């Protein structure tokens, strides 16, 4: 059995450690910066593989945007901005549940916008920075942050039955994400 020369072994070891460590995770407030929240968007709770994404549809990190964006009032934007700038908005809880966001809040506009995907099933948020096609970081939110994010979602999407039915406090067991809204003209049983 041959051994690697010590210099080559050290290089390979440092390379493998740097691959595992990845880039430093920036805080949610750091990624959002001074951008103000502008809209809420309803998303499909499961991501769409790139080869199945139809032209003309909008996606945030692979999650299809459905319906029209709903603008936030100045008061709503202020509540959301204040919540997300708070260092206690996220905690260090680590859960391995799959992210299934039902809504996204957009901070800023145009090419400089940051999207905040929200999963009320696992109480995680995911940030998509300007120009990115994927998620930059994922954070677990506290109950106080959930209260604001869910409260705003219910205010802004009053006709969305699935969002309206979400519980104020997350269950110890994963809950299903809110399904896509059903159009009003669809026959109901």
C-alpha atoms as a PDB file:
ATOM      1  CA  UNK A   1       0.000   0.000   0.000  1.00  0.00           C
ATOM      2  CA  UNK A   2       1.444   3.370  -0.989  1.00  0.00           C
ATOM      3  CA  UNK A   3       1.044   6.495   1.109  1.00  0.00           C
ATOM      4  CA  UNK A   4       0.556  10.036  -0.158  1.00  0.00           C
ATOM      5  CA  UNK A   5       3.437  12.436   0.366  1.00  0.00           C
ATOM      6  CA  UNK A   6       2.721  14.644   3.439  1.00  0.00           C
ATOM      7  CA  UNK A   7       2.397  17.839   1.369  1.00  0.00           C
ATOM      8  CA  UNK A   8      -0.139  16.290  -1.014  1.00  0.00           C
ATOM      9  CA  UNK A   9      -2.042  14.787   1.929  1.00  0.00           C
ATOM     10  CA  UNK A  10      -2.241  18.226   3.631  1.00  0.00           C
ATOM     11  CA  UNK A  11      -3.514  19.870   0.439  1.00  0.00           C
ATOM     12  CA  UNK A  12      -6.200  17.223  -0.072  1.00  0.00           C
ATOM     13  CA  UNK A  13      -7.248  17.425   3.584  1.00  0.00           C
ATOM     14  CA  UNK A  14      -7.593  21.218   3.527  1.00  0.00           C
ATOM     15  CA  UNK A  15      -9.533  21.048   0.246  1.00  0.00           C
ATOM     16  CA  UNK A  16     -12.001  18.483   1.632  1.00  0.00           C
ATOM     17  CA  UNK A  17     -12.502  20.530   4.819  1.00  0.00           C
ATOM     18  CA  UNK A  18     -13.174  23.689   2.796  1.00  0.00           C
ATOM     19  CA  UNK A  19     -15.744  21.828   0.659  1.00  0.00           C
ATOM     20  CA  UNK A  20     -17.618  20.666   3.741  1.00  0.00           C
ATOM     21  CA  UNK A  21     -17.525  24.010   5.510  1.00  0.00           C
ATOM     22  CA  UNK A  22     -19.004  25.940   2.590  1.00  0.00           C
ATOM     23  CA  UNK A  23     -19.391  29.701   2.580  1.00  0.00           C
ATOM     24  CA  UNK A  24     -20.174  31.414   5.870  1.00  0.00           C
ATOM     25  CA  UNK A  25     -23.907  31.690   6.476  1.00  0.00           C
ATOM     26  CA  UNK A  26     -24.993  35.308   6.670  1.00  0.00           C
ATOM     27  CA  UNK A  27     -27.818  36.314   8.983  1.00  0.00           C
ATOM     28  CA  UNK A  28     -31.261  36.973   7.560  1.00  0.00           C
ATOM     29  CA  UNK A  29     -30.971  40.661   8.480  1.00  0.00           C
ATOM     30  CA  UNK A  30     -27.558  40.834   6.801  1.00  0.00           C
ATOM     31  CA  UNK A  31     -28.872  39.427   3.523  1.00  0.00           C
ATOM     32  CA  UNK A  32     -31.952  41.671   3.534  1.00  0.00           C
ATOM     33  CA  UNK A  33     -29.907  44.766   4.372  1.00  0.00           C
ATOM     34  CA  UNK A  34     -31.784  48.073   4.115  1.00  0.00           C
ATOM     35  CA  UNK A  35     -34.353  46.780   1.609  1.00  0.00           C
ATOM     36  CA  UNK A  36     -37.953  47.352   2.639  1.00  0.00           C
ATOM     37  CA  UNK A  37     -40.591  44.630   2.204  1.00  0.00           C
ATOM     38  CA  UNK A  38     -42.816  45.353  -0.779  1.00  0.00           C
ATOM     39  CA  UNK A  39     -45.034  42.347  -1.557  1.00  0.00           C
ATOM     40  CA  UNK A  40     -46.174  38.901  -0.533  1.00  0.00           C
ATOM     41  CA  UNK A  41     -46.284  36.129  -3.125  1.00  0.00           C
ATOM     42  CA  UNK A  42     -48.071  32.799  -2.868  1.00  0.00           C
ATOM     43  CA  UNK A  43     -45.900  29.821  -3.802  1.00  0.00           C
ATOM     44  CA  UNK A  44     -46.359  26.162  -4.533  1.00  0.00           C
ATOM     45  CA  UNK A  45     -45.070  24.218  -1.513  1.00  0.00           C
ATOM     46  CA  UNK A  46     -42.905  21.851  -3.552  1.00  0.00           C
ATOM     47  CA  UNK A  47     -40.103  22.814  -5.878  1.00  0.00           C
ATOM     48  CA  UNK A  48     -40.301  22.147  -9.597  1.00  0.00           C
ATOM     49  CA  UNK A  49     -37.337  20.414 -11.277  1.00  0.00           C
ATOM     50  CA  UNK A  50     -35.615  22.710 -13.806  1.00  0.00           C
ATOM     51  CA  UNK A  51     -36.553  20.509 -16.768  1.00  0.00           C
ATOM     52  CA  UNK A  52     -40.265  20.771 -15.841  1.00  0.00           C
ATOM     53  CA  UNK A  53     -40.469  24.561 -15.444  1.00  0.00           C
ATOM     54  CA  UNK A  54     -42.697  26.044 -18.113  1.00  0.00           C
ATOM     55  CA  UNK A  55     -41.697  29.257 -19.857  1.00  0.00           C
ATOM     56  CA  UNK A  56     -43.722  32.262 -18.780  1.00  0.00           C
ATOM     57  CA  UNK A  57     -44.114  31.097 -15.174  1.00  0.00           C
ATOM     58  CA  UNK A  58     -42.266  32.762 -12.304  1.00  0.00           C
ATOM     59  CA  UNK A  59     -40.155  30.773  -9.863  1.00  0.00           C
ATOM     60  CA  UNK A  60     -38.306  31.646  -6.673  1.00  0.00           C
ATOM     61  CA  UNK A  61     -35.492  29.151  -6.108  1.00  0.00           C
ATOM     62  CA  UNK A  62     -37.530  26.512  -7.956  1.00  0.00           C
ATOM     63  CA  UNK A  63     -40.834  27.220  -6.166  1.00  0.00           C
ATOM     64  CA  UNK A  64     -43.536  28.355  -8.571  1.00  0.00           C
ATOM     65  CA  UNK A  65     -45.190  31.685  -7.817  1.00  0.00           C
ATOM     66  CA  UNK A  66     -48.962  31.427  -8.153  1.00  0.00           C
ATOM     67  CA  UNK A  67     -51.465  34.231  -8.295  1.00  0.00           C
ATOM     68  CA  UNK A  68     -50.603  37.900  -8.253  1.00  0.00           C
ATOM     69  CA  UNK A  69     -48.227  39.674  -5.852  1.00  0.00           C
ATOM     70  CA  UNK A  70     -50.046  41.540  -3.079  1.00  0.00           C
ATOM     71  CA  UNK A  71     -48.444  44.833  -2.014  1.00  0.00           C
ATOM     72  CA  UNK A  72     -47.811  45.560   1.654  1.00  0.00           C
ATOM     73  CA  UNK A  73     -49.037  48.790   3.219  1.00  0.00           C
ATOM     74  CA  UNK A  74     -46.479  51.056   4.879  1.00  0.00           C
ATOM     75  CA  UNK A  75     -47.565  49.804   8.324  1.00  0.00           C
ATOM     76  CA  UNK A  76     -47.329  46.139   7.283  1.00  0.00           C
ATOM     77  CA  UNK A  77     -43.925  46.714   5.674  1.00  0.00           C
ATOM     78  CA  UNK A  78     -42.742  48.427   8.849  1.00  0.00           C
ATOM     79  CA  UNK A  79     -43.825  45.496  11.047  1.00  0.00           C
ATOM     80  CA  UNK A  80     -42.108  42.989   8.794  1.00  0.00           C
ATOM     81  CA  UNK A  81     -38.899  45.032   8.447  1.00  0.00           C
ATOM     82  CA  UNK A  82     -38.677  45.531  12.215  1.00  0.00           C
ATOM     83  CA  UNK A  83     -39.206  41.808  12.835  1.00  0.00           C
ATOM     84  CA  UNK A  84     -36.568  40.672  10.347  1.00  0.00           C
ATOM     85  CA  UNK A  85     -33.963  43.196  11.604  1.00  0.00           C
ATOM     86  CA  UNK A  86     -34.308  41.852  15.139  1.00  0.00           C
ATOM     87  CA  UNK A  87     -31.354  39.557  15.977  1.00  0.00           C
ATOM     88  CA  UNK A  88     -33.805  37.319  17.875  1.00  0.00           C
ATOM     89  CA  UNK A  89     -35.962  36.701  14.763  1.00  0.00           C
ATOM     90  CA  UNK A  90     -34.168  33.406  14.182  1.00  0.00           C
ATOM     91  CA  UNK A  91     -32.729  30.908  16.629  1.00  0.00           C
ATOM     92  CA  UNK A  92     -30.185  28.119  16.441  1.00  0.00           C
ATOM     93  CA  UNK A  93     -32.677  25.237  16.332  1.00  0.00           C
ATOM     94  CA  UNK A  94     -31.687  22.696  13.718  1.00  0.00           C
ATOM     95  CA  UNK A  95     -34.414  20.581  12.196  1.00  0.00           C
ATOM     96  CA  UNK A  96     -34.046  18.370   9.172  1.00  0.00           C
ATOM     97  CA  UNK A  97     -37.589  18.781   7.941  1.00  0.00           C
ATOM     98  CA  UNK A  98     -37.953  19.564   4.264  1.00  0.00           C
ATOM     99  CA  UNK A  99     -38.636  23.184   3.382  1.00  0.00           C
ATOM    100  CA  UNK A 100     -42.114  23.555   1.838  1.00  0.00           C
ATOM    101  CA  UNK A 101     -42.797  27.291   1.612  1.00  0.00           C
ATOM    102  CA  UNK A 102     -46.313  28.500   0.991  1.00  0.00           C
ATOM    103  CA  UNK A 103     -45.537  32.220   0.802  1.00  0.00           C
ATOM    104  CA  UNK A 104     -42.638  34.499  -0.026  1.00  0.00           C
ATOM    105  CA  UNK A 105     -42.058  38.071   1.083  1.00  0.00           C
ATOM    106  CA  UNK A 106     -40.113  40.268  -1.342  1.00  0.00           C
ATOM    107  CA  UNK A 107     -37.754  42.891   0.032  1.00  0.00           C
ATOM    108  CA  UNK A 108     -36.858  45.612  -2.474  1.00  0.00           C
ATOM    109  CA  UNK A 109     -37.780  45.513  -6.134  1.00  0.00           C
ATOM    110  CA  UNK A 110     -36.427  44.713  -9.549  1.00  0.00           C
ATOM    111  CA  UNK A 111     -33.022  43.108  -9.942  1.00  0.00           C
ATOM    112  CA  UNK A 112     -32.050  44.124  -6.375  1.00  0.00           C
ATOM    113  CA  UNK A 113     -34.896  42.235  -4.649  1.00  0.00           C
ATOM    114  CA  UNK A 114     -34.306  39.626  -1.935  1.00  0.00           C
ATOM    115  CA  UNK A 115     -36.968  36.937  -1.540  1.00  0.00           C
ATOM    116  CA  UNK A 116     -37.790  35.426   1.834  1.00  0.00           C
ATOM    117  CA  UNK A 117     -39.479  32.026   1.434  1.00  0.00           C
ATOM    118  CA  UNK A 118     -41.517  31.034   4.516  1.00  0.00           C
ATOM    119  CA  UNK A 119     -42.379  27.471   5.534  1.00  0.00           C
ATOM    120  CA  UNK A 120     -44.999  27.377   8.286  1.00  0.00           C
ATOM    121  CA  UNK A 121     -44.737  23.585   8.388  1.00  0.00           C
ATOM    122  CA  UNK A 122     -41.187  23.528   9.758  1.00  0.00           C
ATOM    123  CA  UNK A 123     -40.874  27.176  10.888  1.00  0.00           C
ATOM    124  CA  UNK A 124     -37.976  27.904   8.575  1.00  0.00           C
ATOM    125  CA  UNK A 125     -37.221  30.758   6.241  1.00  0.00           C
ATOM    126  CA  UNK A 126     -34.966  30.648   3.210  1.00  0.00           C
ATOM    127  CA  UNK A 127     -33.341  33.685   1.622  1.00  0.00           C
ATOM    128  CA  UNK A 128     -32.765  34.095  -2.091  1.00  0.00           C
ATOM    129  CA  UNK A 129     -30.399  37.024  -2.805  1.00  0.00           C
ATOM    130  CA  UNK A 130     -30.614  39.290  -5.862  1.00  0.00           C
ATOM    131  CA  UNK A 131     -29.845  37.487  -9.089  1.00  0.00           C
ATOM    132  CA  UNK A 132     -29.553  34.071  -7.436  1.00  0.00           C
ATOM    133  CA  UNK A 133     -31.456  31.052  -8.692  1.00  0.00           C
ATOM    134  CA  UNK A 134     -31.056  29.141  -5.431  1.00  0.00           C
ATOM    135  CA  UNK A 135     -31.358  29.555  -1.700  1.00  0.00           C
ATOM    136  CA  UNK A 136     -28.410  31.280  -0.014  1.00  0.00           C
ATOM    137  CA  UNK A 137     -29.288  30.430   3.588  1.00  0.00           C
ATOM    138  CA  UNK A 138     -31.987  28.812   5.683  1.00  0.00           C
ATOM    139  CA  UNK A 139     -32.860  29.825   9.243  1.00  0.00           C
ATOM    140  CA  UNK A 140     -35.257  28.553  11.907  1.00  0.00           C
ATOM    141  CA  UNK A 141     -37.674  31.244  13.105  1.00  0.00           C
ATOM    142  CA  UNK A 142     -38.862  31.870  16.643  1.00  0.00           C
ATOM    143  CA  UNK A 143     -42.522  31.843  17.667  1.00  0.00           C
ATOM    144  CA  UNK A 144     -42.578  35.666  17.802  1.00  0.00           C
ATOM    145  CA  UNK A 145     -41.327  35.820  14.204  1.00  0.00           C
ATOM    146  CA  UNK A 146     -43.857  33.188  13.144  1.00  0.00           C
ATOM    147  CA  UNK A 147     -46.613  35.300  14.725  1.00  0.00           C
ATOM    148  CA  UNK A 148     -45.682  38.305  12.557  1.00  0.00           C
ATOM    149  CA  UNK A 149     -45.071  36.358   9.329  1.00  0.00           C
ATOM    150  CA  UNK A 150     -48.278  34.319   9.666  1.00  0.00           C
ATOM    151  CA  UNK A 151     -50.340  37.289  10.850  1.00  0.00           C
ATOM    152  CA  UNK A 152     -49.292  39.307   7.810  1.00  0.00           C
ATOM    153  CA  UNK A 153     -49.941  36.364   5.460  1.00  0.00           C
ATOM    154  CA  UNK A 154     -53.471  36.019   6.846  1.00  0.00           C
ATOM    155  CA  UNK A 155     -54.072  39.788   6.546  1.00  0.00           C
ATOM    156  CA  UNK A 156     -52.740  40.001   3.001  1.00  0.00           C
ATOM    157  CA  UNK A 157     -54.320  36.795   1.663  1.00  0.00           C
ATOM    158  CA  UNK A 158     -57.806  36.828   3.247  1.00  0.00           C
ATOM    159  CA  UNK A 159     -59.385  34.724   0.463  1.00  0.00           C
ATOM    160  CA  UNK A 160     -56.737  31.979   0.656  1.00  0.00           C
ATOM    161  CA  UNK A 161     -58.431  29.242   2.688  1.00  0.00           C
ATOM    162  CA  UNK A 162     -55.244  27.224   3.175  1.00  0.00           C
ATOM    163  CA  UNK A 163     -53.310  30.152   4.656  1.00  0.00           C
ATOM    164  CA  UNK A 164     -56.283  31.110   6.851  1.00  0.00           C
ATOM    165  CA  UNK A 165     -56.374  27.586   8.332  1.00  0.00           C
ATOM    166  CA  UNK A 166     -52.700  27.534   9.380  1.00  0.00           C
ATOM    167  CA  UNK A 167     -52.359  27.203  13.173  1.00  0.00           C
ATOM    168  CA  UNK A 168     -50.851  30.044  15.198  1.00  0.00           C
ATOM    169  CA  UNK A 169     -48.464  27.666  16.974  1.00  0.00           C
ATOM    170  CA  UNK A 170     -46.587  25.016  15.069  1.00  0.00           C
ATOM    171  CA  UNK A 171     -47.294  21.446  16.068  1.00  0.00           C
ATOM    172  CA  UNK A 172     -44.505  19.242  17.452  1.00  0.00           C
ATOM    173  CA  UNK A 173     -45.100  17.109  14.384  1.00  0.00           C
ATOM    174  CA  UNK A 174     -44.747  18.498  10.878  1.00  0.00           C
ATOM    175  CA  UNK A 175     -47.987  19.806   9.467  1.00  0.00           C
ATOM    176  CA  UNK A 176     -48.746  19.701   5.777  1.00  0.00           C
ATOM    177  CA  UNK A 177     -47.897  22.917   3.979  1.00  0.00           C
ATOM    178  CA  UNK A 178     -50.757  25.024   2.714  1.00  0.00           C
ATOM    179  CA  UNK A 179     -51.904  23.605  -0.607  1.00  0.00           C
ATOM    180  CA  UNK A 180     -52.184  25.794  -3.661  1.00  0.00           C
ATOM    181  CA  UNK A 181     -55.361  27.859  -3.582  1.00  0.00           C
ATOM    182  CA  UNK A 182     -58.339  26.514  -5.477  1.00  0.00           C
ATOM    183  CA  UNK A 183     -59.826  28.965  -8.017  1.00  0.00           C
ATOM    184  CA  UNK A 184     -63.270  30.293  -7.088  1.00  0.00           C
ATOM    185  CA  UNK A 185     -64.917  28.960 -10.256  1.00  0.00           C
ATOM    186  CA  UNK A 186     -63.927  25.321  -9.642  1.00  0.00           C
ATOM    187  CA  UNK A 187     -66.941  23.106  -8.785  1.00  0.00           C
ATOM    188  CA  UNK A 188     -66.901  22.016  -5.168  1.00  0.00           C
ATOM    189  CA  UNK A 189     -68.400  18.802  -3.772  1.00  0.00           C
END
